[in-house]
Amino acid sequence: MFGLEKKKNKPFEFDLEKELKSSKRKKEVLTICEERTKQLKEALREGKASENFDQCGIIMQGYAALEKVVKKAST
């Protein structure tokens, strides 16, 4: 009464969760992450990114975290 009744609110969804509901987009994101981590690993092994070694490591950790989030969001 007078605005005190309980309203059923939907649980909050992030934009990424909404975007990953389609399996096609989810696969695209996962393949992009895998490709870029492979590129970074190759660059680090060959010594191309020796001056940016720390930054490349941080970026690789970010891609690994994104993969985990994408996999968890789908389950």
PDB file of N, CA and C in Angstrom:
ATOM      1  N   MET A   1       0.831  -1.162   0.000  1.00  0.00           N
ATOM      2  CA  MET A   1       0.000   0.000   0.000  1.00  0.00           C
ATOM      3  C   MET A   1       0.884   1.237   0.000  1.00  0.00           C
ATOM      4  N   PHE A   2       0.551   2.177  -0.826  1.00  0.00           N
ATOM      5  CA  PHE A   2       1.252   3.445  -0.926  1.00  0.00           C
ATOM      6  C   PHE A   2       2.740   3.263  -1.239  1.00  0.00           C
ATOM      7  N   GLY A   3       3.041   2.362  -2.140  1.00  0.00           N
ATOM      8  CA  GLY A   3       4.420   2.167  -2.569  1.00  0.00           C
ATOM      9  C   GLY A   3       5.242   1.255  -1.681  1.00  0.00           C
ATOM     10  N   LEU A   4       4.632   0.652  -0.696  1.00  0.00           N
ATOM     11  CA  LEU A   4       5.381  -0.217   0.207  1.00  0.00           C
ATOM     12  C   LEU A   4       5.300  -1.691  -0.182  1.00  0.00           C
ATOM     13  N   GLU A   5       4.520  -2.002  -1.203  1.00  0.00           N
ATOM     14  CA  GLU A   5       4.415  -3.403  -1.615  1.00  0.00           C
ATOM     15  C   GLU A   5       5.729  -3.858  -2.253  1.00  0.00           C
ATOM     16  N   LYS A   6       5.984  -5.131  -2.142  1.00  0.00           N
ATOM     17  CA  LYS A   6       7.234  -5.680  -2.663  1.00  0.00           C
ATOM     18  C   LYS A   6       7.162  -5.794  -4.176  1.00  0.00           C
ATOM     19  N   LYS A   7       8.181  -5.286  -4.816  1.00  0.00           N
ATOM     20  CA  LYS A   7       8.272  -5.384  -6.264  1.00  0.00           C
ATOM     21  C   LYS A   7       9.307  -6.443  -6.594  1.00  0.00           C
ATOM     22  N   LYS A   8       9.002  -7.225  -7.598  1.00  0.00           N
ATOM     23  CA  LYS A   8       9.942  -8.255  -8.009  1.00  0.00           C
ATOM     24  C   LYS A   8      10.935  -7.636  -8.985  1.00  0.00           C
ATOM     25  N   ASN A   9      12.141  -7.443  -8.516  1.00  0.00           N
ATOM     26  CA  ASN A   9      13.195  -6.885  -9.355  1.00  0.00           C
ATOM     27  C   ASN A   9      13.985  -8.016  -9.985  1.00  0.00           C
ATOM     28  N   LYS A  10      14.327  -7.822 -11.231  1.00  0.00           N
ATOM     29  CA  LYS A  10      15.179  -8.792 -11.901  1.00  0.00           C
ATOM     30  C   LYS A  10      16.598  -8.627 -11.369  1.00  0.00           C
ATOM     31  N   PRO A  11      17.343  -9.721 -11.269  1.00  0.00           N
ATOM     32  CA  PRO A  11      18.737  -9.580 -10.837  1.00  0.00           C
ATOM     33  C   PRO A  11      19.541  -8.789 -11.859  1.00  0.00           C
ATOM     34  N   PHE A  12      20.481  -8.017 -11.378  1.00  0.00           N
ATOM     35  CA  PHE A  12      21.288  -7.158 -12.243  1.00  0.00           C
ATOM     36  C   PHE A  12      22.164  -8.004 -13.151  1.00  0.00           C
ATOM     37  N   GLU A  13      22.215  -7.641 -14.421  1.00  0.00           N
ATOM     38  CA  GLU A  13      23.074  -8.319 -15.385  1.00  0.00           C
ATOM     39  C   GLU A  13      24.044  -7.310 -15.979  1.00  0.00           C
ATOM     40  N   PHE A  14      25.296  -7.703 -16.045  1.00  0.00           N
ATOM     41  CA  PHE A  14      26.292  -6.865 -16.695  1.00  0.00           C
ATOM     42  C   PHE A  14      26.106  -6.952 -18.202  1.00  0.00           C
ATOM     43  N   ASP A  15      26.655  -5.969 -18.908  1.00  0.00           N
ATOM     44  CA  ASP A  15      26.564  -5.962 -20.369  1.00  0.00           C
ATOM     45  C   ASP A  15      27.218  -7.198 -20.965  1.00  0.00           C
ATOM     46  N   LEU A  16      28.312  -7.611 -20.376  1.00  0.00           N
ATOM     47  CA  LEU A  16      29.023  -8.785 -20.880  1.00  0.00           C
ATOM     48  C   LEU A  16      28.169 -10.039 -20.743  1.00  0.00           C
ATOM     49  N   GLU A  17      27.435 -10.157 -19.642  1.00  0.00           N
ATOM     50  CA  GLU A  17      26.556 -11.314 -19.452  1.00  0.00           C
ATOM     51  C   GLU A  17      25.454 -11.343 -20.503  1.00  0.00           C
ATOM     52  N   LYS A  18      24.894 -10.194 -20.797  1.00  0.00           N
ATOM     53  CA  LYS A  18      23.850 -10.129 -21.819  1.00  0.00           C
ATOM     54  C   LYS A  18      24.405 -10.503 -23.182  1.00  0.00           C
ATOM     55  N   GLU A  19      25.625 -10.025 -23.449  1.00  0.00           N
ATOM     56  CA  GLU A  19      26.252 -10.264 -24.741  1.00  0.00           C
ATOM     57  C   GLU A  19      26.626 -11.734 -24.924  1.00  0.00           C
ATOM     58  N   LEU A  20      26.982 -12.402 -23.836  1.00  0.00           N
ATOM     59  CA  LEU A  20      27.460 -13.781 -23.923  1.00  0.00           C
ATOM     60  C   LEU A  20      26.341 -14.817 -23.909  1.00  0.00           C
ATOM     61  N   LYS A  21      25.107 -14.371 -23.871  1.00  0.00           N
ATOM     62  CA  LYS A  21      24.001 -15.329 -23.904  1.00  0.00           C
ATOM     63  C   LYS A  21      23.949 -16.066 -25.231  1.00  0.00           C
ATOM     64  N   SER A  22      24.394 -15.424 -26.294  1.00  0.00           N
ATOM     65  CA  SER A  22      24.448 -16.113 -27.579  1.00  0.00           C
ATOM     66  C   SER A  22      25.752 -16.903 -27.641  1.00  0.00           C
ATOM     67  N   SER A  23      25.638 -18.165 -27.976  1.00  0.00           N
ATOM     68  CA  SER A  23      26.818 -19.031 -27.983  1.00  0.00           C
ATOM     69  C   SER A  23      27.811 -18.622 -29.068  1.00  0.00           C
ATOM     70  N   LYS A  24      27.304 -18.008 -30.128  1.00  0.00           N
ATOM     71  CA  LYS A  24      28.188 -17.564 -31.213  1.00  0.00           C
ATOM     72  C   LYS A  24      29.157 -16.502 -30.707  1.00  0.00           C
ATOM     73  N   ARG A  25      28.642 -15.520 -30.010  1.00  0.00           N
ATOM     74  CA  ARG A  25      29.485 -14.436 -29.487  1.00  0.00           C
ATOM     75  C   ARG A  25      30.456 -14.976 -28.435  1.00  0.00           C
ATOM     76  N   LYS A  26      29.992 -15.920 -27.627  1.00  0.00           N
ATOM     77  CA  LYS A  26      30.844 -16.521 -26.604  1.00  0.00           C
ATOM     78  C   LYS A  26      32.043 -17.210 -27.248  1.00  0.00           C
ATOM     79  N   LYS A  27      31.795 -17.958 -28.314  1.00  0.00           N
ATOM     80  CA  LYS A  27      32.883 -18.646 -29.012  1.00  0.00           C
ATOM     81  C   LYS A  27      33.853 -17.649 -29.625  1.00  0.00           C
ATOM     82  N   GLU A  28      33.325 -16.555 -30.166  1.00  0.00           N
ATOM     83  CA  GLU A  28      34.179 -15.521 -30.752  1.00  0.00           C
ATOM     84  C   GLU A  28      35.116 -14.927 -29.702  1.00  0.00           C
ATOM     85  N   VAL A  29      34.570 -14.609 -28.544  1.00  0.00           N
ATOM     86  CA  VAL A  29      35.374 -14.010 -27.482  1.00  0.00           C
ATOM     87  C   VAL A  29      36.449 -14.987 -27.019  1.00  0.00           C
ATOM     88  N   LEU A  30      36.086 -16.255 -26.860  1.00  0.00           N
ATOM     89  CA  LEU A  30      37.062 -17.253 -26.422  1.00  0.00           C
ATOM     90  C   LEU A  30      38.176 -17.446 -27.443  1.00  0.00           C
ATOM     91  N   THR A  31      37.825 -17.485 -28.722  1.00  0.00           N
ATOM     92  CA  THR A  31      38.866 -17.665 -29.741  1.00  0.00           C
ATOM     93  C   THR A  31      39.789 -16.451 -29.815  1.00  0.00           C
ATOM     94  N   ILE A  32      39.222 -15.256 -29.668  1.00  0.00           N
ATOM     95  CA  ILE A  32      40.050 -14.043 -29.666  1.00  0.00           C
ATOM     96  C   ILE A  32      41.034 -14.080 -28.501  1.00  0.00           C
ATOM     97  N   CYS A  33      40.545 -14.461 -27.322  1.00  0.00           N
ATOM     98  CA  CYS A  33      41.422 -14.536 -26.147  1.00  0.00           C
ATOM     99  C   CYS A  33      42.530 -15.557 -26.351  1.00  0.00           C
ATOM    100  N   GLU A  34      42.177 -16.720 -26.870  1.00  0.00           N
ATOM    101  CA  GLU A  34      43.168 -17.773 -27.076  1.00  0.00           C
ATOM    102  C   GLU A  34      44.221 -17.351 -28.098  1.00  0.00           C
ATOM    103  N   GLU A  35      43.786 -16.733 -29.189  1.00  0.00           N
ATOM    104  CA  GLU A  35      44.724 -16.294 -30.224  1.00  0.00           C
ATOM    105  C   GLU A  35      45.692 -15.244 -29.689  1.00  0.00           C
ATOM    106  N   ARG A  36      45.180 -14.302 -28.951  1.00  0.00           N
ATOM    107  CA  ARG A  36      46.038 -13.227 -28.451  1.00  0.00           C
ATOM    108  C   ARG A  36      46.996 -13.716 -27.369  1.00  0.00           C
ATOM    109  N   THR A  37      46.559 -14.662 -26.540  1.00  0.00           N
ATOM    110  CA  THR A  37      47.492 -15.206 -25.556  1.00  0.00           C
ATOM    111  C   THR A  37      48.597 -15.999 -26.251  1.00  0.00           C
ATOM    112  N   LYS A  38      48.253 -16.709 -27.321  1.00  0.00           N
ATOM    113  CA  LYS A  38      49.279 -17.431 -28.081  1.00  0.00           C
ATOM    114  C   LYS A  38      50.285 -16.461 -28.686  1.00  0.00           C
ATOM    115  N   GLN A  39      49.786 -15.352 -29.239  1.00  0.00           N
ATOM    116  CA  GLN A  39      50.675 -14.348 -29.827  1.00  0.00           C
ATOM    117  C   GLN A  39      51.610 -13.755 -28.772  1.00  0.00           C
ATOM    118  N   LEU A  40      51.059 -13.459 -27.597  1.00  0.00           N
ATOM    119  CA  LEU A  40      51.886 -12.895 -26.532  1.00  0.00           C
ATOM    120  C   LEU A  40      52.936 -13.893 -26.057  1.00  0.00           C
ATOM    121  N   LYS A  41      52.539 -15.155 -25.914  1.00  0.00           N
ATOM    122  CA  LYS A  41      53.490 -16.181 -25.477  1.00  0.00           C
ATOM    123  C   LYS A  41      54.619 -16.342 -26.486  1.00  0.00           C
ATOM    124  N   GLU A  42      54.276 -16.339 -27.771  1.00  0.00           N
ATOM    125  CA  GLU A  42      55.301 -16.460 -28.810  1.00  0.00           C
ATOM    126  C   GLU A  42      56.253 -15.266 -28.781  1.00  0.00           C
ATOM    127  N   ALA A  43      55.701 -14.085 -28.603  1.00  0.00           N
ATOM    128  CA  ALA A  43      56.538 -12.885 -28.556  1.00  0.00           C
ATOM    129  C   ALA A  43      57.477 -12.922 -27.353  1.00  0.00           C
ATOM    130  N   LEU A  44      56.985 -13.419 -26.228  1.00  0.00           N
ATOM    131  CA  LEU A  44      57.826 -13.496 -25.041  1.00  0.00           C
ATOM    132  C   LEU A  44      58.914 -14.558 -25.203  1.00  0.00           C
ATOM    133  N   ARG A  45      58.576 -15.675 -25.824  1.00  0.00           N
ATOM    134  CA  ARG A  45      59.561 -16.744 -26.027  1.00  0.00           C
ATOM    135  C   ARG A  45      60.671 -16.313 -26.973  1.00  0.00           C
ATOM    136  N   GLU A  46      60.295 -15.593 -28.019  1.00  0.00           N
ATOM    137  CA  GLU A  46      61.273 -15.165 -29.019  1.00  0.00           C
ATOM    138  C   GLU A  46      62.082 -13.953 -28.569  1.00  0.00           C
ATOM    139  N   GLY A  47      61.636 -13.293 -27.530  1.00  0.00           N
ATOM    140  CA  GLY A  47      62.361 -12.137 -27.017  1.00  0.00           C
ATOM    141  C   GLY A  47      62.008 -10.837 -27.702  1.00  0.00           C
ATOM    142  N   LYS A  48      60.936 -10.831 -28.479  1.00  0.00           N
ATOM    143  CA  LYS A  48      60.528  -9.601 -29.170  1.00  0.00           C
ATOM    144  C   LYS A  48      60.049  -8.539 -28.189  1.00  0.00           C
ATOM    145  N   ALA A  49      59.441  -8.976 -27.117  1.00  0.00           N
ATOM    146  CA  ALA A  49      58.834  -8.044 -26.170  1.00  0.00           C
ATOM    147  C   ALA A  49      59.673  -7.931 -24.896  1.00  0.00           C
ATOM    148  N   SER A  50      60.987  -7.947 -25.035  1.00  0.00           N
ATOM    149  CA  SER A  50      61.838  -7.926 -23.844  1.00  0.00           C
ATOM    150  C   SER A  50      61.717  -6.615 -23.061  1.00  0.00           C
ATOM    151  N   GLU A  51      61.550  -5.496 -23.757  1.00  0.00           N
ATOM    152  CA  GLU A  51      61.429  -4.219 -23.051  1.00  0.00           C
ATOM    153  C   GLU A  51      60.046  -4.047 -22.423  1.00  0.00           C
ATOM    154  N   ASN A  52      59.055  -4.748 -22.922  1.00  0.00           N
ATOM    155  CA  ASN A  52      57.690  -4.663 -22.386  1.00  0.00           C
ATOM    156  C   ASN A  52      57.278  -5.970 -21.718  1.00  0.00           C
ATOM    157  N   PHE A  53      58.243  -6.659 -21.131  1.00  0.00           N
ATOM    158  CA  PHE A  53      57.985  -7.981 -20.561  1.00  0.00           C
ATOM    159  C   PHE A  53      56.902  -7.935 -19.492  1.00  0.00           C
ATOM    160  N   ASP A  54      56.990  -6.980 -18.574  1.00  0.00           N
ATOM    161  CA  ASP A  54      56.016  -6.879 -17.488  1.00  0.00           C
ATOM    162  C   ASP A  54      54.621  -6.570 -18.014  1.00  0.00           C
ATOM    163  N   GLN A  55      54.533  -5.665 -18.971  1.00  0.00           N
ATOM    164  CA  GLN A  55      53.230  -5.303 -19.525  1.00  0.00           C
ATOM    165  C   GLN A  55      52.595  -6.481 -20.254  1.00  0.00           C
ATOM    166  N   CYS A  56      53.401  -7.232 -20.973  1.00  0.00           N
ATOM    167  CA  CYS A  56      52.870  -8.407 -21.684  1.00  0.00           C
ATOM    168  C   CYS A  56      52.356  -9.443 -20.699  1.00  0.00           C
ATOM    169  N   GLY A  57      53.052  -9.608 -19.587  1.00  0.00           N
ATOM    170  CA  GLY A  57      52.602 -10.537 -18.553  1.00  0.00           C
ATOM    171  C   GLY A  57      51.267 -10.115 -17.966  1.00  0.00           C
ATOM    172  N   ILE A  58      51.113  -8.834 -17.742  1.00  0.00           N
ATOM    173  CA  ILE A  58      49.857  -8.314 -17.189  1.00  0.00           C
ATOM    174  C   ILE A  58      48.714  -8.513 -18.181  1.00  0.00           C
ATOM    175  N   ILE A  59      48.990  -8.266 -19.447  1.00  0.00           N
ATOM    176  CA  ILE A  59      47.961  -8.440 -20.477  1.00  0.00           C
ATOM    177  C   ILE A  59      47.557  -9.907 -20.584  1.00  0.00           C
ATOM    178  N   MET A  60      48.540 -10.807 -20.493  1.00  0.00           N
ATOM    179  CA  MET A  60      48.230 -12.243 -20.547  1.00  0.00           C
ATOM    180  C   MET A  60      47.353 -12.652 -19.376  1.00  0.00           C
ATOM    181  N   GLN A  61      47.626 -12.120 -18.195  1.00  0.00           N
ATOM    182  CA  GLN A  61      46.800 -12.414 -17.029  1.00  0.00           C
ATOM    183  C   GLN A  61      45.380 -11.894 -17.226  1.00  0.00           C
ATOM    184  N   GLY A  62      45.256 -10.745 -17.864  1.00  0.00           N
ATOM    185  CA  GLY A  62      43.933 -10.187 -18.149  1.00  0.00           C
ATOM    186  C   GLY A  62      43.134 -11.069 -19.090  1.00  0.00           C
ATOM    187  N   TYR A  63      43.794 -11.575 -20.136  1.00  0.00           N
ATOM    188  CA  TYR A  63      43.108 -12.474 -21.064  1.00  0.00           C
ATOM    189  C   TYR A  63      42.718 -13.783 -20.380  1.00  0.00           C
ATOM    190  N   ALA A  64      43.569 -14.283 -19.497  1.00  0.00           N
ATOM    191  CA  ALA A  64      43.245 -15.506 -18.765  1.00  0.00           C
ATOM    192  C   ALA A  64      42.033 -15.280 -17.863  1.00  0.00           C
ATOM    193  N   ALA A  65      41.982 -14.122 -17.221  1.00  0.00           N
ATOM    194  CA  ALA A  65      40.844 -13.796 -16.366  1.00  0.00           C
ATOM    195  C   ALA A  65      39.565 -13.662 -17.187  1.00  0.00           C
ATOM    196  N   LEU A  66      39.671 -13.055 -18.362  1.00  0.00           N
ATOM    197  CA  LEU A  66      38.501 -12.916 -19.229  1.00  0.00           C
ATOM    198  C   LEU A  66      37.976 -14.281 -19.658  1.00  0.00           C
ATOM    199  N   GLU A  67      38.875 -15.204 -19.978  1.00  0.00           N
ATOM    200  CA  GLU A  67      38.450 -16.555 -20.348  1.00  0.00           C
ATOM    201  C   GLU A  67      37.691 -17.220 -19.210  1.00  0.00           C
ATOM    202  N   LYS A  68      38.190 -17.071 -17.981  1.00  0.00           N
ATOM    203  CA  LYS A  68      37.512 -17.656 -16.821  1.00  0.00           C
ATOM    204  C   LYS A  68      36.117 -17.062 -16.653  1.00  0.00           C
ATOM    205  N   VAL A  69      36.015 -15.745 -16.812  1.00  0.00           N
ATOM    206  CA  VAL A  69      34.720 -15.072 -16.650  1.00  0.00           C
ATOM    207  C   VAL A  69      33.737 -15.542 -17.709  1.00  0.00           C
ATOM    208  N   VAL A  70      34.199 -15.667 -18.939  1.00  0.00           N
ATOM    209  CA  VAL A  70      33.324 -16.099 -20.032  1.00  0.00           C
ATOM    210  C   VAL A  70      32.840 -17.521 -19.785  1.00  0.00           C
ATOM    211  N   LYS A  71      33.722 -18.381 -19.336  1.00  0.00           N
ATOM    212  CA  LYS A  71      33.337 -19.768 -19.074  1.00  0.00           C
ATOM    213  C   LYS A  71      32.373 -19.866 -17.900  1.00  0.00           C
ATOM    214  N   LYS A  72      32.567 -19.052 -16.859  1.00  0.00           N
ATOM    215  CA  LYS A  72      31.668 -19.079 -15.709  1.00  0.00           C
ATOM    216  C   LYS A  72      30.316 -18.456 -16.030  1.00  0.00           C
ATOM    217  N   ALA A  73      30.307 -17.446 -16.866  1.00  0.00           N
ATOM    218  CA  ALA A  73      29.060 -16.760 -17.206  1.00  0.00           C
ATOM    219  C   ALA A  73      28.128 -17.673 -17.988  1.00  0.00           C
ATOM    220  N   SER A  74      28.686 -18.626 -18.686  1.00  0.00           N
ATOM    221  CA  SER A  74      27.852 -19.506 -19.499  1.00  0.00           C
ATOM    222  C   SER A  74      27.210 -20.612 -18.678  1.00  0.00           C
ATOM    223  N   THR A  75      27.768 -20.908 -17.506  1.00  0.00           N
ATOM    224  CA  THR A  75      27.214 -22.003 -16.697  1.00  0.00           C
ATOM    225  C   THR A  75      26.187 -21.531 -15.729  1.00  0.00           C
TER     226      THR A  75
END
